[in-house]
C-alpha cells in the first residue's frame, strides 16, 4: 500500500508504514506469550512479584524486566532462558513493565531490559541493556555469593 503526499510544489508517493509496524508489534507480543510458567520460569504480576523473588530459598532468582515492543528485550530473552535451563539452582522471573507498572515503579525501572539478581529475597545486583551469554554468566557468578 502506498500513500500519496501532494502539495502544490511536490507530489510524491511514500510507503505506508503503519500497518507493518502494527504487525511487527503483534508478532513480538505472540513470541513473548509463548513463555509458560514452570518450576524454573515464572511470569510475574504486581501481586506475585514479591513472593516469586523471596520464595525459592538458596536459589538464584534472575528478574528480567521487559516489554513486548522492546527489541533489545527480544535479544536478551533467549540468552536468559538458556542460562536458567542449564542450572537447576537458577530461576527466571519475567516482568512485563507494561502490565506490571507498580512493580516497575517500585524497583525504579526506567530502562529496559533490566535484569536484577536476588538471593534469598535480597537484591544482589543489576544490569541494564542486552548482554552476551558470557557477560551474563559472569554477572551471575559475581553477584550470587
C-alpha atoms as a PDB file:
ATOM      1  CA  UNK A   1       0.000   0.000   0.000  1.00  0.00           C
ATOM      2  CA  UNK A   2       1.226   3.436  -0.835  1.00  0.00           C
ATOM      3  CA  UNK A   3       0.156   6.820   0.444  1.00  0.00           C
ATOM      4  CA  UNK A   4       0.305   9.828  -1.822  1.00  0.00           C
ATOM      5  CA  UNK A   5       1.507  13.102  -0.408  1.00  0.00           C
ATOM      6  CA  UNK A   6       0.734  16.045  -2.600  1.00  0.00           C
ATOM      7  CA  UNK A   7       1.346  19.740  -2.213  1.00  0.00           C
ATOM      8  CA  UNK A   8       1.268  22.416  -4.887  1.00  0.00           C
ATOM      9  CA  UNK A   9       5.058  22.135  -5.306  1.00  0.00           C
ATOM     10  CA  UNK A  10       5.628  18.470  -4.520  1.00  0.00           C
ATOM     11  CA  UNK A  11       3.889  15.238  -5.376  1.00  0.00           C
ATOM     12  CA  UNK A  12       5.454  12.008  -4.162  1.00  0.00           C
ATOM     13  CA  UNK A  13       4.477   8.510  -3.142  1.00  0.00           C
ATOM     14  CA  UNK A  14       5.584   7.166   0.252  1.00  0.00           C
ATOM     15  CA  UNK A  15       5.247   3.643   1.633  1.00  0.00           C
ATOM     16  CA  UNK A  16       2.591   3.312   4.304  1.00  0.00           C
ATOM     17  CA  UNK A  17       4.460   2.123   7.399  1.00  0.00           C
ATOM     18  CA  UNK A  18       1.681   1.984   9.971  1.00  0.00           C
ATOM     19  CA  UNK A  19       0.410  -1.464   9.018  1.00  0.00           C
ATOM     20  CA  UNK A  20       3.801  -3.272   9.007  1.00  0.00           C
ATOM     21  CA  UNK A  21       4.716  -1.717  12.370  1.00  0.00           C
ATOM     22  CA  UNK A  22       1.431  -2.883  13.864  1.00  0.00           C
ATOM     23  CA  UNK A  23       2.012  -6.395  12.539  1.00  0.00           C
ATOM     24  CA  UNK A  24       5.575  -6.448  13.943  1.00  0.00           C
ATOM     25  CA  UNK A  25       4.287  -5.457  17.381  1.00  0.00           C
ATOM     26  CA  UNK A  26       1.741  -8.274  17.242  1.00  0.00           C
ATOM     27  CA  UNK A  27       4.463 -10.753  16.300  1.00  0.00           C
ATOM     28  CA  UNK A  28       6.631  -9.622  19.230  1.00  0.00           C
ATOM     29  CA  UNK A  29       3.683  -9.993  21.588  1.00  0.00           C
ATOM     30  CA  UNK A  30       2.982 -13.508  20.315  1.00  0.00           C
ATOM     31  CA  UNK A  31       6.627 -14.516  20.782  1.00  0.00           C
ATOM     32  CA  UNK A  32       6.613 -13.353  24.408  1.00  0.00           C
ATOM     33  CA  UNK A  33       3.271 -15.084  25.062  1.00  0.00           C
ATOM     34  CA  UNK A  34       4.923 -18.463  24.394  1.00  0.00           C
ATOM     35  CA  UNK A  35       6.634 -18.077  27.780  1.00  0.00           C
ATOM     36  CA  UNK A  36       4.970 -20.501  30.222  1.00  0.00           C
ATOM     37  CA  UNK A  37       5.457 -20.755  33.967  1.00  0.00           C
ATOM     38  CA  UNK A  38       7.346 -23.882  35.024  1.00  0.00           C
ATOM     39  CA  UNK A  39       9.414 -24.747  38.077  1.00  0.00           C
ATOM     40  CA  UNK A  40      12.267 -22.526  36.801  1.00  0.00           C
ATOM     41  CA  UNK A  41      10.390 -19.942  34.731  1.00  0.00           C
ATOM     42  CA  UNK A  42       7.713 -17.564  36.016  1.00  0.00           C
ATOM     43  CA  UNK A  43       5.716 -14.645  34.621  1.00  0.00           C
ATOM     44  CA  UNK A  44       5.203 -12.183  37.497  1.00  0.00           C
ATOM     45  CA  UNK A  45       2.319  -9.828  38.201  1.00  0.00           C
ATOM     46  CA  UNK A  46       2.197  -6.899  40.614  1.00  0.00           C
ATOM     47  CA  UNK A  47       0.586  -9.272  43.131  1.00  0.00           C
ATOM     48  CA  UNK A  48       3.037 -12.185  42.774  1.00  0.00           C
ATOM     49  CA  UNK A  49       6.393 -10.412  42.327  1.00  0.00           C
ATOM     50  CA  UNK A  50       7.493 -10.285  45.997  1.00  0.00           C
ATOM     51  CA  UNK A  51       6.513 -13.896  46.568  1.00  0.00           C
ATOM     52  CA  UNK A  52       8.457 -15.036  43.498  1.00  0.00           C
ATOM     53  CA  UNK A  53      11.705 -13.268  44.420  1.00  0.00           C
ATOM     54  CA  UNK A  54      11.680 -14.447  48.023  1.00  0.00           C
ATOM     55  CA  UNK A  55      10.133 -17.897  47.621  1.00  0.00           C
ATOM     56  CA  UNK A  56      12.847 -20.245  46.353  1.00  0.00           C
ATOM     57  CA  UNK A  57      15.406 -20.462  49.191  1.00  0.00           C
ATOM     58  CA  UNK A  58      19.055 -20.886  48.223  1.00  0.00           C
ATOM     59  CA  UNK A  59      18.266 -20.353  44.538  1.00  0.00           C
ATOM     60  CA  UNK A  60      19.493 -17.517  42.377  1.00  0.00           C
ATOM     61  CA  UNK A  61      16.483 -15.570  41.104  1.00  0.00           C
ATOM     62  CA  UNK A  62      17.019 -13.588  37.915  1.00  0.00           C
ATOM     63  CA  UNK A  63      14.343 -10.975  37.245  1.00  0.00           C
ATOM     64  CA  UNK A  64      14.009  -9.801  33.644  1.00  0.00           C
ATOM     65  CA  UNK A  65      12.046  -6.544  33.265  1.00  0.00           C
ATOM     66  CA  UNK A  66      10.907  -6.348  29.626  1.00  0.00           C
ATOM     67  CA  UNK A  67       8.201  -5.127  27.247  1.00  0.00           C
ATOM     68  CA  UNK A  68       6.696  -6.848  24.215  1.00  0.00           C
ATOM     69  CA  UNK A  69       7.698  -3.997  21.898  1.00  0.00           C
ATOM     70  CA  UNK A  70      11.342  -3.840  23.080  1.00  0.00           C
ATOM     71  CA  UNK A  71      13.882  -5.112  20.512  1.00  0.00           C
ATOM     72  CA  UNK A  72      16.817  -5.489  22.937  1.00  0.00           C
ATOM     73  CA  UNK A  73      14.487  -7.406  25.301  1.00  0.00           C
ATOM     74  CA  UNK A  74      13.822  -9.850  22.457  1.00  0.00           C
ATOM     75  CA  UNK A  75      17.564 -10.411  22.046  1.00  0.00           C
ATOM     76  CA  UNK A  76      18.192 -10.951  25.760  1.00  0.00           C
ATOM     77  CA  UNK A  77      15.228 -13.275  26.439  1.00  0.00           C
ATOM     78  CA  UNK A  78      16.620 -16.491  24.852  1.00  0.00           C
ATOM     79  CA  UNK A  79      20.017 -15.900  26.491  1.00  0.00           C
ATOM     80  CA  UNK A  80      18.405 -15.668  29.921  1.00  0.00           C
ATOM     81  CA  UNK A  81      16.259 -18.749  29.284  1.00  0.00           C
ATOM     82  CA  UNK A  82      19.278 -20.768  28.143  1.00  0.00           C
ATOM     83  CA  UNK A  83      21.309 -19.833  31.233  1.00  0.00           C
ATOM     84  CA  UNK A  84      18.466 -20.811  33.566  1.00  0.00           C
ATOM     85  CA  UNK A  85      17.822 -24.100  31.742  1.00  0.00           C
ATOM     86  CA  UNK A  86      21.465 -25.096  32.260  1.00  0.00           C
ATOM     87  CA  UNK A  87      21.334 -24.832  36.067  1.00  0.00           C
ATOM     88  CA  UNK A  88      18.512 -26.077  38.296  1.00  0.00           C
ATOM     89  CA  UNK A  89      19.615 -23.633  41.036  1.00  0.00           C
ATOM     90  CA  UNK A  90      18.534 -20.645  38.940  1.00  0.00           C
ATOM     91  CA  UNK A  91      15.024 -19.265  38.495  1.00  0.00           C
ATOM     92  CA  UNK A  92      13.893 -16.712  35.902  1.00  0.00           C
ATOM     93  CA  UNK A  93      11.077 -14.287  36.719  1.00  0.00           C
ATOM     94  CA  UNK A  94       9.822 -12.243  33.758  1.00  0.00           C
ATOM     95  CA  UNK A  95       8.129  -8.896  34.485  1.00  0.00           C
ATOM     96  CA  UNK A  96       6.287  -7.144  31.658  1.00  0.00           C
ATOM     97  CA  UNK A  97       6.629  -3.453  32.592  1.00  0.00           C
ATOM     98  CA  UNK A  98       3.536  -2.519  30.583  1.00  0.00           C
ATOM     99  CA  UNK A  99       1.387  -4.885  32.640  1.00  0.00           C
ATOM    100  CA  UNK A 100       3.199  -4.562  35.995  1.00  0.00           C
ATOM    101  CA  UNK A 101       3.648  -0.809  36.240  1.00  0.00           C
ATOM    102  CA  UNK A 102       3.582  -0.694  40.044  1.00  0.00           C
ATOM    103  CA  UNK A 103       6.374  -3.264  40.340  1.00  0.00           C
ATOM    104  CA  UNK A 104       8.471  -1.401  37.746  1.00  0.00           C
ATOM    105  CA  UNK A 105       7.966   1.903  39.574  1.00  0.00           C
ATOM    106  CA  UNK A 106       8.747   0.388  42.968  1.00  0.00           C
ATOM    107  CA  UNK A 107      12.045  -1.005  41.645  1.00  0.00           C
ATOM    108  CA  UNK A 108      12.967   2.193  39.751  1.00  0.00           C
ATOM    109  CA  UNK A 109      12.944   0.566  36.327  1.00  0.00           C
ATOM    110  CA  UNK A 110      13.461   3.379  33.817  1.00  0.00           C
ATOM    111  CA  UNK A 111      15.211   1.462  31.041  1.00  0.00           C
ATOM    112  CA  UNK A 112      14.580  -1.994  29.630  1.00  0.00           C
ATOM    113  CA  UNK A 113      15.774  -4.627  29.511  1.00  0.00           C
ATOM    114  CA  UNK A 114      16.833  -4.520  33.149  1.00  0.00           C
ATOM    115  CA  UNK A 115      17.957  -7.693  34.898  1.00  0.00           C
ATOM    116  CA  UNK A 116      18.115  -7.938  38.670  1.00  0.00           C
ATOM    117  CA  UNK A 117      19.609 -10.805  40.674  1.00  0.00           C
ATOM    118  CA  UNK A 118      18.086 -11.853  44.021  1.00  0.00           C
ATOM    119  CA  UNK A 119      19.363 -14.367  46.536  1.00  0.00           C
ATOM    120  CA  UNK A 120      17.065 -15.300  49.459  1.00  0.00           C
ATOM    121  CA  UNK A 121      14.866 -12.288  48.669  1.00  0.00           C
ATOM    122  CA  UNK A 122      17.739  -9.777  48.777  1.00  0.00           C
ATOM    123  CA  UNK A 123      18.791  -7.854  45.660  1.00  0.00           C
ATOM    124  CA  UNK A 124      22.458  -8.569  44.957  1.00  0.00           C
ATOM    125  CA  UNK A 125      22.973  -6.902  41.572  1.00  0.00           C
ATOM    126  CA  UNK A 126      21.513  -5.370  38.438  1.00  0.00           C
ATOM    127  CA  UNK A 127      22.435  -4.616  34.842  1.00  0.00           C
ATOM    128  CA  UNK A 128      20.674  -2.669  32.122  1.00  0.00           C
ATOM    129  CA  UNK A 129      20.707  -3.489  28.413  1.00  0.00           C
ATOM    130  CA  UNK A 130      21.434  -6.523  26.307  1.00  0.00           C
ATOM    131  CA  UNK A 131      24.494  -8.593  27.157  1.00  0.00           C
ATOM    132  CA  UNK A 132      26.028 -11.707  25.673  1.00  0.00           C
ATOM    133  CA  UNK A 133      25.770 -15.067  27.401  1.00  0.00           C
ATOM    134  CA  UNK A 134      29.320 -14.943  28.793  1.00  0.00           C
ATOM    135  CA  UNK A 135      28.827 -11.498  30.308  1.00  0.00           C
ATOM    136  CA  UNK A 136      25.511 -12.529  31.898  1.00  0.00           C
ATOM    137  CA  UNK A 137      27.146 -15.658  33.351  1.00  0.00           C
ATOM    138  CA  UNK A 138      29.969 -13.510  34.837  1.00  0.00           C
ATOM    139  CA  UNK A 139      27.375 -11.137  36.324  1.00  0.00           C
ATOM    140  CA  UNK A 140      25.581 -14.083  37.952  1.00  0.00           C
ATOM    141  CA  UNK A 141      28.812 -15.585  39.296  1.00  0.00           C
ATOM    142  CA  UNK A 142      29.981 -12.262  40.775  1.00  0.00           C
ATOM    143  CA  UNK A 143      26.648 -11.440  42.421  1.00  0.00           C
ATOM    144  CA  UNK A 144      25.272 -14.796  43.580  1.00  0.00           C
ATOM    145  CA  UNK A 145      27.551 -15.229  46.617  1.00  0.00           C
END
